[in-house]
């Protein structure tokens, strides 16, 4: 079955993989998807790696890493609030990097 269920309804793996197979997916939406699905940290890091994304040593990437480490206890809305408090671009409404 191609569906993953994480308590937020069914999300089709194929749709996520299609997004990740773009020429260059941006890190913010991938992090947002992982948080929304409450994906465990080690799987989130595998997803980022498969998309060719490496978290760097920046404040923004530090926040992303914290979001992924605590995804089980966070919402996307809370992540957006934290990013706003740190004057960072939002996960789903900001510019791509």
C-alpha atoms as a PDB file:
ATOM      1  CA  UNK A   1       0.000   0.000   0.000  1.00  0.00           C
ATOM      2  CA  UNK A   2       1.390   3.398  -0.981  1.00  0.00           C
ATOM      3  CA  UNK A   3      -0.262   5.248   1.885  1.00  0.00           C
ATOM      4  CA  UNK A   4       1.392   6.375   5.112  1.00  0.00           C
ATOM      5  CA  UNK A   5      -0.888   7.156   8.007  1.00  0.00           C
ATOM      6  CA  UNK A   6       0.436   9.444  10.737  1.00  0.00           C
ATOM      7  CA  UNK A   7      -2.750  10.523  12.488  1.00  0.00           C
ATOM      8  CA  UNK A   8      -3.468  13.324  10.029  1.00  0.00           C
ATOM      9  CA  UNK A   9      -5.271  11.220   7.462  1.00  0.00           C
ATOM     10  CA  UNK A  10      -3.728   9.349   4.569  1.00  0.00           C
ATOM     11  CA  UNK A  11      -0.936  10.934   2.600  1.00  0.00           C
ATOM     12  CA  UNK A  12       0.167   9.227  -0.561  1.00  0.00           C
ATOM     13  CA  UNK A  13       3.852   8.426  -0.669  1.00  0.00           C
ATOM     14  CA  UNK A  14       3.834   8.900  -4.421  1.00  0.00           C
ATOM     15  CA  UNK A  15       2.779  12.559  -4.050  1.00  0.00           C
ATOM     16  CA  UNK A  16       5.570  13.190  -1.563  1.00  0.00           C
ATOM     17  CA  UNK A  17       8.090  11.392  -3.759  1.00  0.00           C
ATOM     18  CA  UNK A  18       6.958  13.403  -6.793  1.00  0.00           C
ATOM     19  CA  UNK A  19       7.631  16.599  -4.818  1.00  0.00           C
ATOM     20  CA  UNK A  20      11.028  15.340  -3.716  1.00  0.00           C
ATOM     21  CA  UNK A  21      11.942  14.315  -7.265  1.00  0.00           C
ATOM     22  CA  UNK A  22      11.752  17.898  -8.516  1.00  0.00           C
ATOM     23  CA  UNK A  23      15.011  19.336  -9.799  1.00  0.00           C
ATOM     24  CA  UNK A  24      15.671  21.074  -6.516  1.00  0.00           C
ATOM     25  CA  UNK A  25      13.069  20.916  -3.758  1.00  0.00           C
ATOM     26  CA  UNK A  26      13.512  23.580  -1.099  1.00  0.00           C
ATOM     27  CA  UNK A  27      14.220  22.620   2.483  1.00  0.00           C
ATOM     28  CA  UNK A  28      11.394  24.559   4.189  1.00  0.00           C
ATOM     29  CA  UNK A  29       8.413  22.696   2.680  1.00  0.00           C
ATOM     30  CA  UNK A  30      10.132  19.329   3.177  1.00  0.00           C
ATOM     31  CA  UNK A  31      10.658  20.149   6.859  1.00  0.00           C
ATOM     32  CA  UNK A  32       7.043  21.334   7.062  1.00  0.00           C
ATOM     33  CA  UNK A  33       5.768  18.094   5.540  1.00  0.00           C
ATOM     34  CA  UNK A  34       7.855  16.035   7.969  1.00  0.00           C
ATOM     35  CA  UNK A  35       6.528  18.014  10.934  1.00  0.00           C
ATOM     36  CA  UNK A  36       2.927  17.815   9.697  1.00  0.00           C
ATOM     37  CA  UNK A  37       3.226  14.028   9.342  1.00  0.00           C
ATOM     38  CA  UNK A  38       5.152  13.724  12.632  1.00  0.00           C
ATOM     39  CA  UNK A  39       7.840  11.751  10.826  1.00  0.00           C
ATOM     40  CA  UNK A  40      10.555  10.418  13.177  1.00  0.00           C
ATOM     41  CA  UNK A  41      13.819  12.374  13.052  1.00  0.00           C
ATOM     42  CA  UNK A  42      15.965   9.666  11.450  1.00  0.00           C
ATOM     43  CA  UNK A  43      13.407   9.176   8.667  1.00  0.00           C
ATOM     44  CA  UNK A  44      13.136  12.939   8.160  1.00  0.00           C
ATOM     45  CA  UNK A  45      16.901  13.106   7.711  1.00  0.00           C
ATOM     46  CA  UNK A  46      16.715  10.289   5.153  1.00  0.00           C
ATOM     47  CA  UNK A  47      13.983  12.166   3.273  1.00  0.00           C
ATOM     48  CA  UNK A  48      16.077  15.342   3.258  1.00  0.00           C
ATOM     49  CA  UNK A  49      19.102  13.378   2.066  1.00  0.00           C
ATOM     50  CA  UNK A  50      17.091  11.702  -0.704  1.00  0.00           C
ATOM     51  CA  UNK A  51      16.030  15.186  -1.826  1.00  0.00           C
ATOM     52  CA  UNK A  52      19.661  16.310  -1.899  1.00  0.00           C
ATOM     53  CA  UNK A  53      19.195  18.620   1.075  1.00  0.00           C
ATOM     54  CA  UNK A  54      21.768  18.963   3.855  1.00  0.00           C
ATOM     55  CA  UNK A  55      21.110  21.062   6.924  1.00  0.00           C
ATOM     56  CA  UNK A  56      23.854  23.614   7.397  1.00  0.00           C
ATOM     57  CA  UNK A  57      25.235  25.437  10.433  1.00  0.00           C
ATOM     58  CA  UNK A  58      22.865  28.395  10.217  1.00  0.00           C
ATOM     59  CA  UNK A  59      20.299  29.629  12.704  1.00  0.00           C
ATOM     60  CA  UNK A  60      17.510  28.739  10.291  1.00  0.00           C
ATOM     61  CA  UNK A  61      18.776  25.178   9.816  1.00  0.00           C
ATOM     62  CA  UNK A  62      19.278  24.857  13.580  1.00  0.00           C
ATOM     63  CA  UNK A  63      15.571  25.661  13.981  1.00  0.00           C
ATOM     64  CA  UNK A  64      14.654  23.172  11.244  1.00  0.00           C
ATOM     65  CA  UNK A  65      16.674  20.479  13.013  1.00  0.00           C
ATOM     66  CA  UNK A  66      14.893  21.251  16.292  1.00  0.00           C
ATOM     67  CA  UNK A  67      11.532  21.038  14.532  1.00  0.00           C
ATOM     68  CA  UNK A  68      12.423  17.628  13.127  1.00  0.00           C
ATOM     69  CA  UNK A  69      13.742  16.385  16.464  1.00  0.00           C
ATOM     70  CA  UNK A  70      10.512  17.479  18.164  1.00  0.00           C
ATOM     71  CA  UNK A  71       8.053  16.850  15.323  1.00  0.00           C
ATOM     72  CA  UNK A  72       5.920  14.564  17.473  1.00  0.00           C
ATOM     73  CA  UNK A  73       5.124  17.478  19.801  1.00  0.00           C
ATOM     74  CA  UNK A  74       4.935  20.338  17.292  1.00  0.00           C
ATOM     75  CA  UNK A  75       2.470  21.642  14.738  1.00  0.00           C
ATOM     76  CA  UNK A  76       3.346  23.444  11.534  1.00  0.00           C
ATOM     77  CA  UNK A  77       1.590  26.510  12.925  1.00  0.00           C
ATOM     78  CA  UNK A  78       3.837  26.487  16.011  1.00  0.00           C
ATOM     79  CA  UNK A  79       6.920  26.133  13.792  1.00  0.00           C
ATOM     80  CA  UNK A  80       5.743  29.102  11.734  1.00  0.00           C
ATOM     81  CA  UNK A  81       5.370  31.152  14.939  1.00  0.00           C
ATOM     82  CA  UNK A  82       8.890  30.229  16.074  1.00  0.00           C
ATOM     83  CA  UNK A  83      10.347  31.129  12.689  1.00  0.00           C
ATOM     84  CA  UNK A  84       8.530  34.470  12.767  1.00  0.00           C
ATOM     85  CA  UNK A  85       9.927  35.208  16.257  1.00  0.00           C
ATOM     86  CA  UNK A  86      13.418  34.640  14.846  1.00  0.00           C
ATOM     87  CA  UNK A  87      12.739  36.784  11.755  1.00  0.00           C
ATOM     88  CA  UNK A  88      13.065  33.731   9.496  1.00  0.00           C
ATOM     89  CA  UNK A  89      10.926  32.914   6.468  1.00  0.00           C
ATOM     90  CA  UNK A  90       7.942  30.602   7.040  1.00  0.00           C
ATOM     91  CA  UNK A  91       7.920  26.956   5.972  1.00  0.00           C
ATOM     92  CA  UNK A  92       5.168  27.208   3.380  1.00  0.00           C
ATOM     93  CA  UNK A  93       4.755  30.890   2.546  1.00  0.00           C
ATOM     94  CA  UNK A  94       8.344  32.107   2.287  1.00  0.00           C
ATOM     95  CA  UNK A  95      10.895  32.268  -0.474  1.00  0.00           C
ATOM     96  CA  UNK A  96      12.757  29.161  -1.470  1.00  0.00           C
ATOM     97  CA  UNK A  97      16.462  28.936  -0.818  1.00  0.00           C
END
